[in-house]
């Protein structure tokens, strides 16, 4: 998979938003998940411009934190409306670079990986918040 801007250090704003994203996702009822990037941005009352980009940057921060901590990636609870319930390709690219996934960004392997990570994140993060 290509090497790209996912290696740039997060800004303070991204880290602050990442904390807000984690807090919001942990507070969600299990039957409301997954959320779309757009619905998460709306729930956090993010204002344009670049709301989806800011959400994905925050989710990438959380992915790095979760992999470093050896826990399921809470970012798996957020998906793209346009990808049939899968996260955006960047989720899979970063999961690959973090050593958590070895496959393509779409197809059966991506679907199976996301389902496992989603189920694990739901059990770990949402149950842990109750």
N, C-alpha and C. Protein backbone atom coordinates (compact mmCIF):
# COMPACT_ATOMS: atom_id res chain seq x y z
N UNK A 1 0.85 -1.18 0.00
CA UNK A 1 0.00 0.00 0.00
C UNK A 1 0.88 1.23 0.00
N UNK A 2 0.40 2.31 -0.58
CA UNK A 2 1.23 3.51 -0.69
C UNK A 2 1.51 4.15 0.66
N UNK A 3 2.62 4.81 0.71
CA UNK A 3 3.04 5.56 1.89
C UNK A 3 2.62 7.00 1.65
N UNK A 4 1.92 7.63 2.60
CA UNK A 4 1.42 8.97 2.32
C UNK A 4 1.41 9.85 3.57
N UNK A 5 0.55 10.86 3.56
CA UNK A 5 0.50 11.87 4.61
C UNK A 5 0.00 11.34 5.94
N UNK A 6 -0.34 10.06 6.03
CA UNK A 6 -0.81 9.50 7.30
C UNK A 6 0.29 9.52 8.36
N UNK A 7 1.52 9.78 7.96
CA UNK A 7 2.63 9.78 8.90
C UNK A 7 2.87 11.16 9.54
N UNK A 8 2.17 12.18 9.08
CA UNK A 8 2.36 13.52 9.64
C UNK A 8 1.87 13.55 11.08
N UNK A 9 2.58 14.24 11.97
CA UNK A 9 2.14 14.31 13.36
C UNK A 9 0.83 15.08 13.46
N UNK A 10 -0.06 14.65 14.36
CA UNK A 10 -1.35 15.35 14.50
C UNK A 10 -1.18 16.72 15.14
N UNK A 11 -2.04 17.63 14.75
CA UNK A 11 -2.04 18.96 15.35
C UNK A 11 -2.76 18.91 16.70
N UNK A 12 -2.62 19.96 17.48
CA UNK A 12 -3.34 20.05 18.75
C UNK A 12 -4.85 20.00 18.53
N UNK A 13 -5.31 20.66 17.46
CA UNK A 13 -6.74 20.66 17.15
C UNK A 13 -7.22 19.25 16.84
N UNK A 14 -6.42 18.48 16.10
CA UNK A 14 -6.80 17.11 15.78
C UNK A 14 -6.84 16.24 17.03
N UNK A 15 -5.89 16.44 17.93
CA UNK A 15 -5.87 15.66 19.17
C UNK A 15 -7.06 16.01 20.06
N UNK A 16 -7.41 17.27 20.11
CA UNK A 16 -8.58 17.69 20.89
C UNK A 16 -9.85 17.10 20.30
N UNK A 17 -9.98 17.17 18.98
CA UNK A 17 -11.15 16.59 18.33
C UNK A 17 -11.17 15.08 18.51
N UNK A 18 -10.02 14.43 18.48
CA UNK A 18 -9.96 12.98 18.69
C UNK A 18 -10.53 12.61 20.05
N UNK A 19 -10.21 13.38 21.07
CA UNK A 19 -10.76 13.13 22.40
C UNK A 19 -12.27 13.28 22.40
N UNK A 20 -12.78 14.29 21.71
CA UNK A 20 -14.22 14.49 21.60
C UNK A 20 -14.89 13.34 20.84
N UNK A 21 -14.24 12.88 19.78
CA UNK A 21 -14.77 11.77 18.99
C UNK A 21 -14.86 10.51 19.86
N UNK A 22 -13.79 10.19 20.58
CA UNK A 22 -13.79 8.99 21.43
C UNK A 22 -14.91 9.09 22.47
N UNK A 23 -15.03 10.23 23.10
CA UNK A 23 -16.06 10.43 24.12
C UNK A 23 -17.46 10.24 23.52
N UNK A 24 -17.67 10.81 22.35
CA UNK A 24 -18.98 10.69 21.70
C UNK A 24 -19.28 9.23 21.33
N UNK A 25 -18.32 8.56 20.71
CA UNK A 25 -18.55 7.17 20.29
C UNK A 25 -18.80 6.26 21.49
N UNK A 26 -18.09 6.47 22.57
CA UNK A 26 -18.30 5.64 23.76
C UNK A 26 -19.67 5.86 24.37
N UNK A 27 -20.24 7.03 24.17
CA UNK A 27 -21.55 7.34 24.73
C UNK A 27 -22.71 6.88 23.84
N UNK A 28 -22.41 6.46 22.61
CA UNK A 28 -23.47 6.04 21.69
C UNK A 28 -24.09 4.72 22.14
N UNK A 29 -25.36 4.59 21.89
CA UNK A 29 -26.02 3.30 22.11
C UNK A 29 -25.58 2.35 20.99
N UNK A 30 -25.38 1.10 21.33
CA UNK A 30 -24.88 0.13 20.36
C UNK A 30 -25.75 0.06 19.11
N UNK A 31 -27.07 0.21 19.28
CA UNK A 31 -27.94 0.08 18.11
C UNK A 31 -27.94 1.32 17.21
N UNK A 32 -27.18 2.35 17.57
CA UNK A 32 -27.04 3.52 16.71
C UNK A 32 -25.77 3.47 15.88
N UNK A 33 -24.97 2.44 16.07
CA UNK A 33 -23.68 2.33 15.39
C UNK A 33 -23.76 1.32 14.25
N UNK A 34 -23.00 1.50 13.19
CA UNK A 34 -21.98 2.53 13.01
C UNK A 34 -22.60 3.88 12.68
N UNK A 35 -21.81 4.91 12.91
CA UNK A 35 -22.15 6.26 12.46
C UNK A 35 -21.44 6.51 11.14
N UNK A 36 -21.97 7.40 10.34
CA UNK A 36 -21.24 7.84 9.15
C UNK A 36 -20.34 9.00 9.55
N UNK A 37 -19.36 9.28 8.71
CA UNK A 37 -18.48 10.43 8.95
C UNK A 37 -19.32 11.70 9.07
N UNK A 38 -20.29 11.85 8.18
CA UNK A 38 -21.13 13.05 8.19
C UNK A 38 -21.96 13.15 9.46
N UNK A 39 -22.57 12.04 9.90
CA UNK A 39 -23.39 12.10 11.11
C UNK A 39 -22.53 12.37 12.35
N UNK A 40 -21.31 11.87 12.37
CA UNK A 40 -20.41 12.15 13.48
C UNK A 40 -20.04 13.63 13.49
N UNK A 41 -19.72 14.19 12.32
CA UNK A 41 -19.39 15.61 12.23
C UNK A 41 -20.57 16.46 12.71
N UNK A 42 -21.76 16.06 12.32
CA UNK A 42 -22.96 16.79 12.73
C UNK A 42 -23.18 16.67 14.24
N UNK A 43 -23.01 15.48 14.79
CA UNK A 43 -23.19 15.26 16.23
C UNK A 43 -22.21 16.09 17.05
N UNK A 44 -21.02 16.31 16.50
CA UNK A 44 -20.00 17.10 17.19
C UNK A 44 -20.12 18.59 16.87
N UNK A 45 -21.12 18.93 16.06
CA UNK A 45 -21.40 20.31 15.68
C UNK A 45 -20.20 20.97 14.99
N UNK A 46 -19.52 20.19 14.16
CA UNK A 46 -18.40 20.76 13.40
C UNK A 46 -18.94 21.62 12.28
N UNK A 47 -18.31 22.74 12.05
CA UNK A 47 -18.72 23.67 11.02
C UNK A 47 -17.73 23.63 9.86
N UNK A 48 -18.24 23.80 8.64
CA UNK A 48 -17.34 23.85 7.47
C UNK A 48 -16.32 24.97 7.65
N UNK A 49 -15.23 24.89 6.97
CA UNK A 49 -14.92 23.92 5.92
C UNK A 49 -14.24 22.66 6.46
N UNK A 50 -14.14 21.67 5.62
CA UNK A 50 -13.35 20.45 5.84
C UNK A 50 -13.83 19.61 7.02
N UNK A 51 -15.12 19.54 7.26
CA UNK A 51 -15.61 18.80 8.42
C UNK A 51 -15.27 17.31 8.33
N UNK A 52 -15.47 16.69 7.19
CA UNK A 52 -15.19 15.26 7.07
C UNK A 52 -13.69 15.01 7.19
N UNK A 53 -12.90 15.86 6.60
CA UNK A 53 -11.44 15.71 6.71
C UNK A 53 -11.00 15.80 8.18
N UNK A 54 -11.57 16.72 8.91
CA UNK A 54 -11.22 16.86 10.33
C UNK A 54 -11.64 15.62 11.11
N UNK A 55 -12.80 15.06 10.79
CA UNK A 55 -13.25 13.83 11.45
C UNK A 55 -12.29 12.69 11.13
N UNK A 56 -11.92 12.52 9.87
CA UNK A 56 -11.04 11.41 9.53
C UNK A 56 -9.65 11.58 10.14
N UNK A 57 -9.16 12.80 10.23
CA UNK A 57 -7.88 13.04 10.88
C UNK A 57 -7.94 12.67 12.36
N UNK A 58 -9.04 13.03 13.01
CA UNK A 58 -9.21 12.65 14.42
C UNK A 58 -9.29 11.14 14.58
N UNK A 59 -10.01 10.49 13.67
CA UNK A 59 -10.12 9.03 13.73
C UNK A 59 -8.76 8.36 13.53
N UNK A 60 -7.93 8.93 12.66
CA UNK A 60 -6.58 8.40 12.46
C UNK A 60 -5.76 8.52 13.74
N UNK A 61 -5.91 9.62 14.46
CA UNK A 61 -5.23 9.77 15.76
C UNK A 61 -5.66 8.65 16.70
N UNK A 62 -6.96 8.39 16.72
CA UNK A 62 -7.48 7.33 17.60
C UNK A 62 -7.00 5.95 17.18
N UNK A 63 -6.89 5.72 15.89
CA UNK A 63 -6.36 4.44 15.42
C UNK A 63 -4.95 4.22 15.93
N UNK A 64 -4.12 5.24 15.83
CA UNK A 64 -2.73 5.13 16.30
C UNK A 64 -2.70 4.85 17.81
N UNK A 65 -3.52 5.58 18.57
CA UNK A 65 -3.56 5.38 20.02
C UNK A 65 -4.02 3.96 20.35
N UNK A 66 -5.06 3.50 19.69
CA UNK A 66 -5.64 2.19 20.00
C UNK A 66 -4.69 1.06 19.64
N UNK A 67 -4.04 1.15 18.50
CA UNK A 67 -3.08 0.11 18.12
C UNK A 67 -1.91 0.11 19.09
N UNK A 68 -1.43 1.28 19.47
CA UNK A 68 -0.32 1.36 20.44
C UNK A 68 -0.72 0.76 21.78
N UNK A 69 -1.99 0.90 22.15
CA UNK A 69 -2.48 0.37 23.43
C UNK A 69 -2.90 -1.10 23.32
N UNK A 70 -2.92 -1.63 22.11
CA UNK A 70 -3.30 -3.03 21.93
C UNK A 70 -4.79 -3.30 22.12
N UNK A 71 -5.62 -2.30 21.80
CA UNK A 71 -7.06 -2.45 21.95
C UNK A 71 -7.74 -2.29 20.59
N UNK A 72 -9.00 -2.72 20.47
CA UNK A 72 -9.71 -2.55 19.20
C UNK A 72 -9.79 -1.07 18.80
N UNK A 73 -9.77 -0.85 17.51
CA UNK A 73 -9.79 0.51 16.98
C UNK A 73 -11.21 1.07 17.01
N UNK A 74 -11.45 2.05 17.86
CA UNK A 74 -12.76 2.68 17.96
C UNK A 74 -13.18 3.31 16.63
N UNK A 75 -12.22 3.65 15.79
CA UNK A 75 -12.51 4.24 14.49
C UNK A 75 -13.33 3.30 13.60
N UNK A 76 -13.33 2.01 13.88
CA UNK A 76 -14.12 1.06 13.10
C UNK A 76 -15.61 1.29 13.27
N UNK A 77 -16.01 2.09 14.26
CA UNK A 77 -17.42 2.37 14.50
C UNK A 77 -17.96 3.47 13.59
N UNK A 78 -17.10 4.00 12.71
CA UNK A 78 -17.50 5.07 11.80
C UNK A 78 -17.24 4.61 10.37
N UNK A 79 -18.25 4.79 9.53
CA UNK A 79 -18.17 4.28 8.15
C UNK A 79 -18.56 5.35 7.14
N UNK A 80 -18.33 5.01 5.89
CA UNK A 80 -18.67 5.89 4.78
C UNK A 80 -20.05 5.52 4.23
N UNK A 81 -20.87 6.51 4.05
CA UNK A 81 -22.19 6.28 3.45
C UNK A 81 -22.05 5.73 2.04
N UNK A 82 -20.98 6.04 1.37
CA UNK A 82 -20.79 5.69 -0.03
C UNK A 82 -20.10 4.35 -0.24
N UNK A 83 -19.68 3.68 0.83
CA UNK A 83 -18.91 2.44 0.66
C UNK A 83 -19.64 1.22 1.22
N UNK A 84 -20.94 1.27 1.27
CA UNK A 84 -21.71 0.10 1.67
C UNK A 84 -21.42 -0.37 3.09
N UNK A 85 -21.20 0.57 3.99
CA UNK A 85 -20.95 0.20 5.38
C UNK A 85 -19.50 0.02 5.75
N UNK A 86 -18.60 0.27 4.82
CA UNK A 86 -17.17 0.19 5.12
C UNK A 86 -16.62 1.59 5.41
N UNK A 87 -15.57 1.65 6.20
CA UNK A 87 -14.87 2.93 6.36
C UNK A 87 -14.22 3.34 5.03
N UNK A 88 -13.78 4.58 4.98
CA UNK A 88 -13.07 5.08 3.80
C UNK A 88 -11.76 4.32 3.61
N UNK A 89 -11.22 4.35 2.39
CA UNK A 89 -9.98 3.62 2.13
C UNK A 89 -8.84 3.96 3.09
N UNK A 90 -8.77 5.21 3.56
CA UNK A 90 -7.70 5.60 4.47
C UNK A 90 -7.67 4.79 5.75
N UNK A 91 -8.83 4.30 6.20
CA UNK A 91 -8.89 3.44 7.38
C UNK A 91 -8.05 2.17 7.16
N UNK A 92 -8.20 1.58 5.99
CA UNK A 92 -7.50 0.34 5.68
C UNK A 92 -6.01 0.60 5.42
N UNK A 93 -5.71 1.71 4.76
CA UNK A 93 -4.31 2.07 4.50
C UNK A 93 -3.57 2.27 5.82
N UNK A 94 -4.19 3.03 6.74
CA UNK A 94 -3.52 3.27 8.02
C UNK A 94 -3.47 2.00 8.86
N UNK A 95 -4.54 1.21 8.86
CA UNK A 95 -4.51 -0.06 9.60
C UNK A 95 -3.38 -0.94 9.09
N UNK A 96 -3.15 -0.92 7.79
CA UNK A 96 -2.04 -1.67 7.20
C UNK A 96 -0.70 -1.14 7.69
N UNK A 97 -0.53 0.19 7.64
CA UNK A 97 0.76 0.76 8.05
C UNK A 97 1.02 0.58 9.54
N UNK A 98 -0.05 0.40 10.32
CA UNK A 98 0.09 0.16 11.75
C UNK A 98 0.26 -1.33 12.08
N UNK A 99 0.23 -2.16 11.05
CA UNK A 99 0.42 -3.60 11.25
C UNK A 99 -0.83 -4.35 11.70
N UNK A 100 -1.98 -3.74 11.57
CA UNK A 100 -3.22 -4.35 12.03
C UNK A 100 -3.97 -5.06 10.89
N UNK A 101 -3.66 -4.73 9.64
CA UNK A 101 -4.40 -5.28 8.50
C UNK A 101 -3.46 -5.48 7.33
N UNK A 102 -3.66 -6.58 6.62
CA UNK A 102 -2.84 -6.86 5.45
C UNK A 102 -3.75 -7.27 4.30
N UNK A 103 -4.30 -6.30 3.61
CA UNK A 103 -5.21 -6.59 2.52
C UNK A 103 -5.54 -5.35 1.73
N UNK A 104 -6.50 -5.50 0.85
CA UNK A 104 -6.94 -4.40 -0.01
C UNK A 104 -7.92 -3.49 0.72
N UNK A 105 -8.21 -2.33 0.14
CA UNK A 105 -9.11 -1.36 0.76
C UNK A 105 -10.59 -1.64 0.48
N UNK A 106 -10.85 -2.64 -0.36
CA UNK A 106 -12.23 -3.05 -0.62
C UNK A 106 -12.25 -4.53 -0.93
N UNK A 107 -13.44 -5.09 -0.97
CA UNK A 107 -13.57 -6.51 -1.26
C UNK A 107 -13.80 -7.33 0.00
N UNK A 108 -13.80 -8.64 -0.18
CA UNK A 108 -14.14 -9.57 0.91
C UNK A 108 -13.20 -9.45 2.10
N UNK A 109 -11.90 -9.30 1.84
CA UNK A 109 -10.94 -9.20 2.96
C UNK A 109 -11.19 -7.93 3.78
N UNK A 110 -11.44 -6.82 3.09
CA UNK A 110 -11.72 -5.56 3.79
C UNK A 110 -13.02 -5.67 4.59
N UNK A 111 -14.03 -6.28 4.00
CA UNK A 111 -15.31 -6.45 4.70
C UNK A 111 -15.15 -7.32 5.94
N UNK A 112 -14.42 -8.42 5.81
CA UNK A 112 -14.22 -9.33 6.95
C UNK A 112 -13.41 -8.65 8.04
N UNK A 113 -12.35 -7.95 7.66
CA UNK A 113 -11.53 -7.24 8.65
C UNK A 113 -12.37 -6.20 9.37
N UNK A 114 -13.10 -5.41 8.61
CA UNK A 114 -13.91 -4.36 9.24
C UNK A 114 -14.95 -4.97 10.17
N UNK A 115 -15.60 -6.04 9.78
CA UNK A 115 -16.61 -6.67 10.63
C UNK A 115 -15.99 -7.13 11.95
N UNK A 116 -14.82 -7.76 11.88
CA UNK A 116 -14.14 -8.20 13.11
C UNK A 116 -13.76 -7.02 13.99
N UNK A 117 -13.19 -5.99 13.36
CA UNK A 117 -12.75 -4.82 14.13
C UNK A 117 -13.96 -4.06 14.69
N UNK A 118 -15.03 -3.96 13.91
CA UNK A 118 -16.25 -3.30 14.38
C UNK A 118 -16.81 -4.04 15.60
N UNK A 119 -16.95 -5.35 15.48
CA UNK A 119 -17.50 -6.14 16.59
C UNK A 119 -16.63 -6.02 17.85
N UNK A 120 -15.31 -6.08 17.66
CA UNK A 120 -14.39 -5.97 18.79
C UNK A 120 -14.47 -4.58 19.42
N UNK A 121 -14.53 -3.54 18.58
CA UNK A 121 -14.61 -2.17 19.09
C UNK A 121 -15.93 -1.94 19.82
N UNK A 122 -16.99 -2.46 19.27
CA UNK A 122 -18.30 -2.31 19.91
C UNK A 122 -18.29 -2.96 21.29
N UNK A 123 -17.77 -4.18 21.37
CA UNK A 123 -17.72 -4.89 22.65
C UNK A 123 -16.80 -4.19 23.65
N UNK A 124 -15.66 -3.71 23.18
CA UNK A 124 -14.68 -3.12 24.08
C UNK A 124 -15.05 -1.69 24.49
N UNK A 125 -15.33 -0.84 23.52
CA UNK A 125 -15.52 0.57 23.80
C UNK A 125 -16.92 0.93 24.25
N UNK A 126 -17.92 0.39 23.61
CA UNK A 126 -19.28 0.79 23.94
C UNK A 126 -19.71 0.12 25.24
N UNK A 127 -19.39 -1.15 25.38
CA UNK A 127 -19.71 -1.85 26.62
C UNK A 127 -18.92 -1.25 27.78
N UNK A 128 -17.66 -0.88 27.53
CA UNK A 128 -16.81 -0.33 28.58
C UNK A 128 -17.34 1.00 29.10
N UNK A 129 -18.10 1.71 28.28
CA UNK A 129 -18.61 3.03 28.68
C UNK A 129 -19.85 2.91 29.57
N UNK A 130 -20.43 1.76 29.63
CA UNK A 130 -21.70 1.59 30.37
C UNK A 130 -21.45 1.33 31.84
